[in-house]
Amino acid sequence: MSAGLSALDLETPSLREQKLLDYLALMRRWNRVYNLTAVKDIETMVDRHLLDSLAVAPYLRGERFLDVGSGAGLPGIPLAIWFPERRFVLLDSNGRKTRFLVQAKIELGLANVEVIQARVQDVQLAGGYDGILSRAFSSLADLVTAAGRLLTPDGTIYAFKGTRPEAELCALPKPYRVRALRPLAIPGANADRHLVELTADTGIS
């Protein structure tokens, strides 16, 4: 994993790296019963889960982030491990997955993590987040419709996509616009990966 982190130009403090590996070990244990991920091989989990999640790290702005549809904690937990000074709220409507997230928070000692079991449509903290992270939500239009109200006025939505999502970009509702569209080079991954950064067109950037 050290080589993958270096390829992403991320420093590799040993304690953070060990905590990332501890997180994967915990996920593998719970996966036997809770079916958190279809990926079973540890090396593939490093590439597809940890490195994929951390590829967004250089682009995050702000201090408070909401991980929508967090599932097994991706990308929220790897980012919370990497940025202990920032706060991450992990949101998922699935009770089994949120039970795992709570246990991961406890076992990994993540004081900067909060877990909420709810649908994003039911979250009430409007204007409360500098960034919204989405690795598994459906379309960009659905994402901004459901979660855009939760951003601060100059906040950013960070959506992970595979190939360049041209049709979804064309379907974005007003007032949202693309702040950046970044191809991501994930070490060990052969498939296309893009990060779409969206913001409300308020004139603040």
Protein backbone atom coordinates (compact mmCIF):
# COMPACT_ATOMS: atom_id res chain seq x y z
CA MET A 1 0.00 0.00 0.00
CA SER A 2 2.91 2.38 0.64
CA ALA A 3 3.74 2.41 -3.08
CA GLY A 4 0.13 3.22 -3.95
CA LEU A 5 0.01 6.12 -1.51
CA SER A 6 3.28 7.46 -2.88
CA ALA A 7 1.85 7.24 -6.41
CA LEU A 8 -1.00 9.48 -5.23
CA ASP A 9 1.58 11.94 -3.84
CA LEU A 10 0.34 11.33 -0.32
CA GLU A 11 2.74 11.22 2.58
CA THR A 12 2.75 7.90 4.37
CA PRO A 13 2.83 8.31 8.16
CA SER A 14 3.10 4.77 9.50
CA LEU A 15 0.30 5.19 12.05
CA ARG A 16 -2.19 6.29 9.39
CA GLU A 17 -1.16 3.50 7.06
CA GLN A 18 -1.56 0.91 9.83
CA LYS A 19 -4.98 2.29 10.72
CA LEU A 20 -6.06 1.99 7.07
CA LEU A 21 -4.99 -1.66 7.10
CA ASP A 22 -6.80 -2.20 10.41
CA TYR A 23 -9.94 -0.81 8.77
CA LEU A 24 -9.65 -3.30 5.91
CA ALA A 25 -9.15 -6.16 8.36
CA LEU A 26 -12.28 -5.11 10.24
CA MET A 27 -14.23 -4.86 7.00
CA ARG A 28 -13.16 -8.37 6.00
CA ARG A 29 -14.30 -9.81 9.33
CA TRP A 30 -17.71 -8.17 9.16
CA ASN A 31 -18.04 -8.95 5.47
CA ARG A 32 -18.50 -12.64 6.21
CA VAL A 33 -21.90 -11.91 7.74
CA TYR A 34 -22.88 -8.41 6.59
CA ASN A 35 -21.85 -8.59 2.91
CA LEU A 36 -20.35 -5.09 2.94
CA THR A 37 -18.38 -5.50 -0.29
CA ALA A 38 -18.14 -7.96 -3.16
CA VAL A 39 -14.36 -7.57 -3.14
CA LYS A 40 -12.69 -10.29 -1.07
CA ASP A 41 -9.01 -10.14 -2.02
CA ILE A 42 -7.00 -7.85 0.27
CA GLU A 43 -4.78 -6.42 -2.48
CA THR A 44 -7.82 -5.60 -4.60
CA MET A 45 -9.46 -4.01 -1.57
CA VAL A 46 -6.42 -1.77 -1.12
CA ASP A 47 -6.69 -0.56 -4.73
CA ARG A 48 -10.46 -0.36 -5.17
CA HIS A 49 -11.37 0.84 -1.70
CA LEU A 50 -8.49 2.60 0.05
CA LEU A 51 -6.53 4.13 -2.82
CA ASP A 52 -9.69 4.94 -4.78
CA SER A 53 -11.12 6.77 -1.76
CA LEU A 54 -7.91 8.65 -0.99
CA ALA A 55 -7.46 9.84 -4.58
CA VAL A 56 -9.80 12.73 -3.74
CA ALA A 57 -7.67 13.86 -0.78
CA PRO A 58 -5.66 16.59 -2.57
CA TYR A 59 -8.84 18.31 -3.79
CA LEU A 60 -10.92 18.58 -0.62
CA ARG A 61 -11.80 22.07 0.57
CA GLY A 62 -13.21 22.83 4.00
CA GLU A 63 -13.51 21.16 7.36
CA ARG A 64 -16.86 19.33 7.50
CA PHE A 65 -17.92 16.63 5.03
CA LEU A 66 -20.95 14.40 4.47
CA ASP A 67 -20.40 10.96 2.92
CA VAL A 68 -23.72 10.13 1.23
CA GLY A 69 -24.53 6.42 0.92
CA SER A 70 -21.37 5.59 2.83
CA GLY A 71 -21.97 1.83 2.82
CA ALA A 72 -18.86 0.25 4.32
CA GLY A 73 -17.44 3.74 4.99
CA LEU A 74 -16.11 4.60 1.56
CA PRO A 75 -14.69 7.14 1.00
CA GLY A 76 -15.45 8.64 4.42
CA ILE A 77 -13.43 6.38 6.73
CA PRO A 78 -10.17 6.38 4.74
CA LEU A 79 -10.43 10.17 4.48
CA ALA A 80 -11.21 10.51 8.20
CA ILE A 81 -8.12 8.43 8.96
CA TRP A 82 -6.01 10.59 6.67
CA PHE A 83 -7.41 13.90 7.91
CA PRO A 84 -7.96 13.59 11.70
CA GLU A 85 -8.38 17.37 11.92
CA ARG A 86 -11.45 17.35 9.66
CA ARG A 87 -14.93 16.04 10.48
CA PHE A 88 -16.78 13.39 8.47
CA VAL A 89 -20.42 12.41 8.79
CA LEU A 90 -21.17 8.96 7.35
CA LEU A 91 -24.75 8.66 6.11
CA ASP A 92 -26.48 5.43 5.11
CA SER A 93 -30.05 4.17 5.38
CA ASN A 94 -29.03 0.51 5.82
CA GLY A 95 -29.00 -0.51 9.49
CA ARG A 96 -26.50 -3.33 9.04
CA LYS A 97 -24.03 -1.01 7.38
CA THR A 98 -24.41 1.75 9.95
CA ARG A 99 -23.82 -0.81 12.72
CA PHE A 100 -20.54 -1.65 11.05
CA LEU A 101 -19.69 2.04 10.70
CA VAL A 102 -20.30 2.64 14.40
CA GLN A 103 -18.08 -0.31 15.29
CA ALA A 104 -15.36 0.92 12.93
CA LYS A 105 -15.51 4.36 14.52
CA ILE A 106 -15.05 2.78 17.98
CA GLU A 107 -12.35 0.25 17.11
CA LEU A 108 -10.31 2.68 15.01
CA GLY A 109 -10.68 5.52 17.52
CA LEU A 110 -12.11 7.95 14.98
CA ALA A 111 -13.24 10.88 17.12
CA ASN A 112 -13.77 12.94 13.95
CA VAL A 113 -16.48 10.59 12.60
CA GLU A 114 -20.24 10.67 13.16
CA VAL A 115 -22.60 7.98 11.84
CA ILE A 116 -26.21 8.70 10.85
CA GLN A 117 -28.75 6.13 9.71
CA ALA A 118 -31.12 7.98 7.40
CA ARG A 119 -31.90 8.75 3.79
CA VAL A 120 -30.21 11.89 2.51
CA GLN A 121 -33.65 13.34 1.73
CA ASP A 122 -34.46 13.22 5.46
CA VAL A 123 -31.32 14.97 6.74
CA GLN A 124 -32.22 18.37 8.17
CA LEU A 125 -28.88 20.17 8.51
CA ALA A 126 -29.25 22.48 5.52
CA GLY A 127 -26.15 24.49 4.69
CA GLY A 128 -24.06 22.52 7.14
CA TYR A 129 -21.32 20.88 5.06
CA ASP A 130 -18.32 22.24 3.19
CA GLY A 131 -18.26 19.12 1.03
CA ILE A 132 -20.52 16.24 0.09
CA LEU A 133 -18.86 13.00 -0.97
CA SER A 134 -20.58 10.44 -3.15
CA ARG A 135 -19.02 7.23 -4.37
CA ALA A 136 -22.13 5.17 -5.01
CA PHE A 137 -25.08 7.51 -5.58
CA SER A 138 -27.05 7.22 -8.83
CA SER A 139 -26.95 10.22 -11.21
CA LEU A 140 -25.43 13.64 -10.70
CA ALA A 141 -28.87 15.24 -11.14
CA ASP A 142 -30.35 13.03 -8.42
CA LEU A 143 -27.39 13.75 -6.16
CA VAL A 144 -27.63 17.54 -6.34
CA THR A 145 -31.42 17.41 -6.00
CA ALA A 146 -31.22 15.29 -2.85
CA ALA A 147 -28.11 16.69 -1.21
CA GLY A 148 -27.33 20.10 -2.68
CA ARG A 149 -29.31 21.92 0.02
CA LEU A 150 -26.91 20.53 2.64
CA LEU A 151 -23.92 22.45 1.27
CA THR A 152 -22.57 25.70 2.62
CA PRO A 153 -22.94 28.54 0.07
CA ASP A 154 -19.45 27.94 -1.33
CA GLY A 155 -19.44 24.18 -0.73
CA THR A 156 -18.55 21.46 -3.22
CA ILE A 157 -20.05 18.10 -4.17
CA TYR A 158 -17.37 15.49 -4.91
CA ALA A 159 -18.84 12.69 -7.03
CA PHE A 160 -16.80 9.65 -8.05
CA LYS A 161 -17.58 8.37 -11.54
CA GLY A 162 -16.13 5.80 -13.91
CA THR A 163 -15.94 7.02 -17.49
CA ARG A 164 -16.45 10.72 -18.19
CA PRO A 165 -20.21 11.16 -17.52
CA GLU A 166 -21.13 13.41 -20.44
CA ALA A 167 -24.88 12.70 -20.40
CA GLU A 168 -25.10 13.32 -16.64
CA LEU A 169 -23.20 16.57 -16.96
CA CYS A 170 -25.62 17.79 -19.62
CA ALA A 171 -28.56 16.92 -17.35
CA LEU A 172 -27.37 18.95 -14.36
CA PRO A 173 -30.19 21.18 -13.03
CA LYS A 174 -29.66 24.86 -12.32
CA PRO A 175 -27.97 26.44 -10.44
CA TYR A 176 -25.34 23.70 -10.34
CA ARG A 177 -22.24 23.80 -12.47
CA VAL A 178 -19.03 21.82 -12.85
CA ARG A 179 -16.20 23.35 -10.85
CA ALA A 180 -13.73 20.71 -12.03
CA LEU A 181 -13.70 17.38 -13.84
CA ARG A 182 -10.59 15.42 -12.96
CA PRO A 183 -9.37 12.10 -14.36
CA LEU A 184 -8.01 10.04 -11.48
CA ALA A 185 -5.12 7.63 -11.83
CA ILE A 186 -5.77 4.94 -9.22
CA PRO A 187 -2.71 2.75 -8.60
CA GLY A 188 -3.49 -0.87 -9.45
CA ALA A 189 -6.76 -0.05 -11.23
CA ASN A 190 -7.21 -0.41 -14.97
CA ALA A 191 -10.69 1.11 -15.33
CA ASP A 192 -11.40 4.78 -16.00
CA ARG A 193 -12.05 6.93 -12.94
CA HIS A 194 -13.14 10.57 -12.74
CA LEU A 195 -13.88 13.01 -9.97
CA VAL A 196 -16.67 15.49 -10.71
CA GLU A 197 -16.69 18.61 -8.52
CA LEU A 198 -20.00 20.47 -8.51
CA THR A 199 -21.02 23.74 -6.92
CA ALA A 200 -24.05 26.00 -6.93
CA ASP A 201 -23.49 28.95 -9.26
CA THR A 202 -23.62 31.66 -6.61
CA GLY A 203 -20.61 33.55 -7.85
CA ILE A 204 -18.45 32.22 -4.99
CA SER A 205 -15.54 29.96 -5.86
